[in-house]
Amino acid sequence: MARTPSNMLPLGTKAPSFKLLNTINNNLVEIADLQVNKGLLVMFICNHCPFVKHIENEISKIGEFCRENDVSVVAISSNDIENYPEDSPEKMSAFASSNGFNFPYLYDETQEVAKSYDAACTPDFYLFNGDLELVYRGQLDDSRPGNDIPVTGSDLRRAISSLVNDLPIFEDQQPSLGCNIKWKS
């Protein structure tokens, strides 16, 4: 199991635009379509990664927490499905359904969106304010497969709470850690 850290895109970066297939309903979704009030959470995940499987229940809970706090959410998978067919759009839809995702799960076939976000691993989290400026990037919490630390979402939840309550977001942001994005050759 690879242990790749996130690249930590500079704070203040404007959210790169995208127009991607929502595997849940086969509609195209772009940033302009999202109701971004308090903010936008962009998560790079995939179906097969043990780091994502470790937190999949908390990802659903974070989606609900965001909805309750007027923060839009999208998840994106950018993996090469030729070499990793378990991350195909059909299987993404099933994964979203089985986990009760209440947000779009988008497929980045060209991998250009992952590159524009400088995404490196799954999971990788990016929280933008209502002006689509990056205010948090990094880990969900300190839990990893096998380290016996409970999954709480504490780091990301604290950032979301600070954002929606107009409080400063802590600067000591830790990189996420997970499997590398499976880039096409």
Protein backbone atom coordinates (compact mmCIF):
# COMPACT_ATOMS: atom_id res chain seq x y z
CA MET A 1 0.00 0.00 0.00
CA ALA A 2 1.60 3.24 -1.20
CA ARG A 3 1.82 6.14 1.24
CA THR A 4 1.74 9.27 -0.89
CA PRO A 5 1.24 12.69 0.79
CA SER A 6 -0.84 15.48 -0.74
CA ASN A 7 1.00 18.32 -2.50
CA MET A 8 -0.57 21.12 -0.42
CA LEU A 9 -1.78 23.56 -3.08
CA PRO A 10 -1.11 27.15 -1.87
CA LEU A 11 -3.84 28.68 0.28
CA GLY A 12 -5.79 31.38 -1.54
CA THR A 13 -5.64 29.49 -4.86
CA LYS A 14 -8.88 29.88 -6.85
CA ALA A 15 -10.73 26.60 -7.40
CA PRO A 16 -9.86 25.31 -10.87
CA SER A 17 -12.95 24.86 -12.99
CA PHE A 18 -14.19 21.50 -14.16
CA LYS A 19 -16.96 19.90 -16.19
CA LEU A 20 -17.16 16.22 -15.36
CA LEU A 21 -19.56 13.29 -15.54
CA ASN A 22 -21.54 12.66 -12.36
CA THR A 23 -21.53 8.86 -12.22
CA ILE A 24 -24.63 8.84 -10.01
CA ASN A 25 -27.01 10.30 -12.63
CA ASN A 26 -24.87 10.55 -15.82
CA ASN A 27 -25.21 14.36 -15.94
CA LEU A 28 -22.30 16.72 -16.47
CA VAL A 29 -21.43 18.87 -13.45
CA GLU A 30 -19.33 22.02 -13.45
CA ILE A 31 -18.40 24.41 -10.69
CA ALA A 32 -20.82 27.01 -12.08
CA ASP A 33 -23.69 24.50 -11.52
CA LEU A 34 -22.94 24.12 -7.81
CA GLN A 35 -24.72 26.21 -5.20
CA VAL A 36 -21.60 27.56 -3.51
CA ASN A 37 -22.80 29.63 -0.57
CA LYS A 38 -20.51 29.23 2.41
CA GLY A 39 -18.00 27.12 0.50
CA LEU A 40 -17.10 24.09 -1.58
CA LEU A 41 -15.39 20.88 -0.54
CA VAL A 42 -13.63 18.99 -3.34
CA MET A 43 -12.47 15.46 -2.45
CA PHE A 44 -10.29 13.27 -4.66
CA ILE A 45 -11.15 9.68 -3.80
CA CYS A 46 -11.51 6.33 -5.55
CA ASN A 47 -13.26 3.03 -4.92
CA HIS A 48 -10.39 0.63 -4.36
CA CYS A 49 -7.91 2.59 -2.20
CA PRO A 50 -7.50 1.13 1.32
CA PHE A 51 -7.08 4.67 2.71
CA VAL A 52 -10.46 5.68 1.22
CA LYS A 53 -12.13 2.44 2.33
CA HIS A 54 -10.83 3.17 5.85
CA ILE A 55 -12.75 6.48 5.94
CA GLU A 56 -15.69 5.84 3.58
CA ASN A 57 -18.29 6.08 6.37
CA GLU A 58 -16.83 9.40 7.52
CA ILE A 59 -16.84 10.72 3.93
CA SER A 60 -20.62 10.24 3.91
CA LYS A 61 -20.91 11.93 7.30
CA ILE A 62 -18.78 14.85 6.10
CA GLY A 63 -21.12 15.19 3.12
CA GLU A 64 -24.08 15.49 5.48
CA PHE A 65 -22.18 17.89 7.78
CA CYS A 66 -21.43 20.10 4.76
CA ARG A 67 -25.05 20.02 3.58
CA GLU A 68 -26.22 21.06 7.05
CA ASN A 69 -23.72 23.94 6.99
CA ASP A 70 -24.44 25.24 3.46
CA VAL A 71 -21.17 23.95 1.99
CA SER A 72 -21.33 22.21 -1.38
CA VAL A 73 -19.46 18.94 -1.90
CA VAL A 74 -18.14 16.96 -4.85
CA ALA A 75 -15.98 13.86 -4.92
CA ILE A 76 -13.78 13.16 -7.95
CA SER A 77 -12.05 10.00 -9.09
CA SER A 78 -9.22 10.50 -11.56
CA ASN A 79 -7.72 7.02 -11.64
CA ASP A 80 -6.77 5.21 -14.84
CA ILE A 81 -9.66 2.76 -15.23
CA GLU A 82 -7.91 0.72 -17.91
CA ASN A 83 -5.44 -0.53 -15.32
CA TYR A 84 -7.80 -0.12 -12.34
CA PRO A 85 -11.25 -1.21 -13.61
CA GLU A 86 -12.65 -1.26 -10.06
CA ASP A 87 -12.64 2.56 -10.32
CA SER A 88 -14.83 2.64 -13.46
CA PRO A 89 -17.80 5.05 -13.58
CA GLU A 90 -20.28 2.16 -13.21
CA LYS A 91 -18.52 0.97 -10.07
CA MET A 92 -18.22 4.57 -8.83
CA SER A 93 -22.00 4.86 -8.99
CA ALA A 94 -22.42 1.64 -7.00
CA PHE A 95 -19.81 2.82 -4.45
CA ALA A 96 -21.64 6.15 -4.02
CA SER A 97 -24.96 4.36 -3.58
CA SER A 98 -23.65 1.83 -1.07
CA ASN A 99 -22.07 4.64 0.97
CA GLY A 100 -25.09 6.94 0.84
CA PHE A 101 -23.28 9.84 -0.82
CA ASN A 102 -25.53 12.91 -0.95
CA PHE A 103 -23.18 14.70 -3.34
CA PRO A 104 -21.95 14.17 -6.91
CA TYR A 105 -19.21 11.59 -7.52
CA LEU A 106 -17.46 12.78 -10.66
CA TYR A 107 -15.23 10.94 -13.11
CA ASP A 108 -12.12 12.77 -14.37
CA GLU A 109 -11.42 10.66 -17.46
CA THR A 110 -8.65 12.91 -18.86
CA GLN A 111 -7.06 13.42 -15.42
CA GLU A 112 -6.77 17.13 -16.24
CA VAL A 113 -8.84 18.16 -13.23
CA ALA A 114 -6.60 16.23 -10.82
CA LYS A 115 -3.59 17.90 -12.42
CA SER A 116 -5.18 21.36 -12.14
CA TYR A 117 -5.74 20.78 -8.40
CA ASP A 118 -2.24 19.30 -8.03
CA ALA A 119 -3.94 16.28 -6.46
CA ALA A 120 -1.52 13.50 -5.57
CA CYS A 121 -3.33 10.92 -3.50
CA THR A 122 -6.63 9.43 -2.48
CA PRO A 123 -8.05 10.81 -0.33
CA ASP A 124 -7.09 14.43 -0.96
CA PHE A 125 -9.29 17.25 0.44
CA TYR A 126 -9.66 20.87 -0.72
CA LEU A 127 -11.97 23.35 1.05
CA PHE A 128 -12.78 26.63 -0.69
CA ASN A 129 -14.66 29.62 0.70
CA GLY A 130 -17.70 31.22 -0.95
CA ASP A 131 -15.39 33.11 -3.32
CA LEU A 132 -13.81 29.77 -4.30
CA GLU A 133 -10.48 30.61 -2.64
CA LEU A 134 -8.65 27.71 -1.01
CA VAL A 135 -8.78 27.90 2.79
CA TYR A 136 -7.89 24.32 3.75
CA ARG A 137 -6.09 21.43 2.10
CA GLY A 138 -4.89 18.35 3.84
CA GLN A 139 -5.95 15.41 5.90
CA LEU A 140 -9.33 14.32 7.19
CA ASP A 141 -7.77 13.45 10.56
CA ASP A 142 -4.84 11.45 11.98
CA SER A 143 -6.41 8.03 11.39
CA ARG A 144 -4.80 5.70 8.85
CA PRO A 145 -5.37 2.02 8.11
CA GLY A 146 -3.74 0.01 10.90
CA ASN A 147 -2.76 2.87 13.25
CA ASP A 148 -5.69 2.28 15.67
CA ILE A 149 -6.59 5.99 15.78
CA PRO A 150 -10.38 6.39 15.44
CA VAL A 151 -11.75 8.05 12.29
CA THR A 152 -13.36 11.35 13.38
CA GLY A 153 -12.80 13.78 10.52
CA SER A 154 -11.54 16.23 13.15
CA ASP A 155 -9.18 18.29 10.98
CA LEU A 156 -11.60 18.73 8.09
CA ARG A 157 -14.60 19.27 10.38
CA ARG A 158 -12.70 21.96 12.29
CA ALA A 159 -11.84 23.72 9.02
CA ILE A 160 -15.46 23.55 7.81
CA SER A 161 -16.76 24.84 11.15
CA SER A 162 -14.28 27.72 11.11
CA LEU A 163 -15.27 28.58 7.55
CA VAL A 164 -19.02 28.64 8.18
CA ASN A 165 -18.61 30.60 11.42
CA ASP A 166 -16.30 33.20 9.82
CA LEU A 167 -13.42 32.23 12.09
CA PRO A 168 -9.77 32.05 11.03
CA ILE A 169 -8.83 28.63 9.72
CA PHE A 170 -5.85 27.13 11.47
CA GLU A 171 -2.60 27.40 9.53
CA ASP A 172 -0.99 24.17 10.75
CA GLN A 173 -2.60 21.99 8.10
CA GLN A 174 -1.27 18.46 7.74
CA PRO A 175 -1.05 16.79 4.32
CA SER A 176 -3.39 13.97 3.55
CA LEU A 177 -1.80 10.58 3.08
CA GLY A 178 -3.04 7.81 0.83
CA CYS A 179 -2.54 5.86 -2.36
CA ASN A 180 -1.13 7.78 -5.28
CA ILE A 181 -3.53 8.73 -8.06
CA LYS A 182 -3.20 6.06 -10.74
CA TRP A 183 -1.96 8.14 -13.67
CA LYS A 184 -2.30 7.00 -17.24
CA SER A 185 0.98 6.19 -18.95
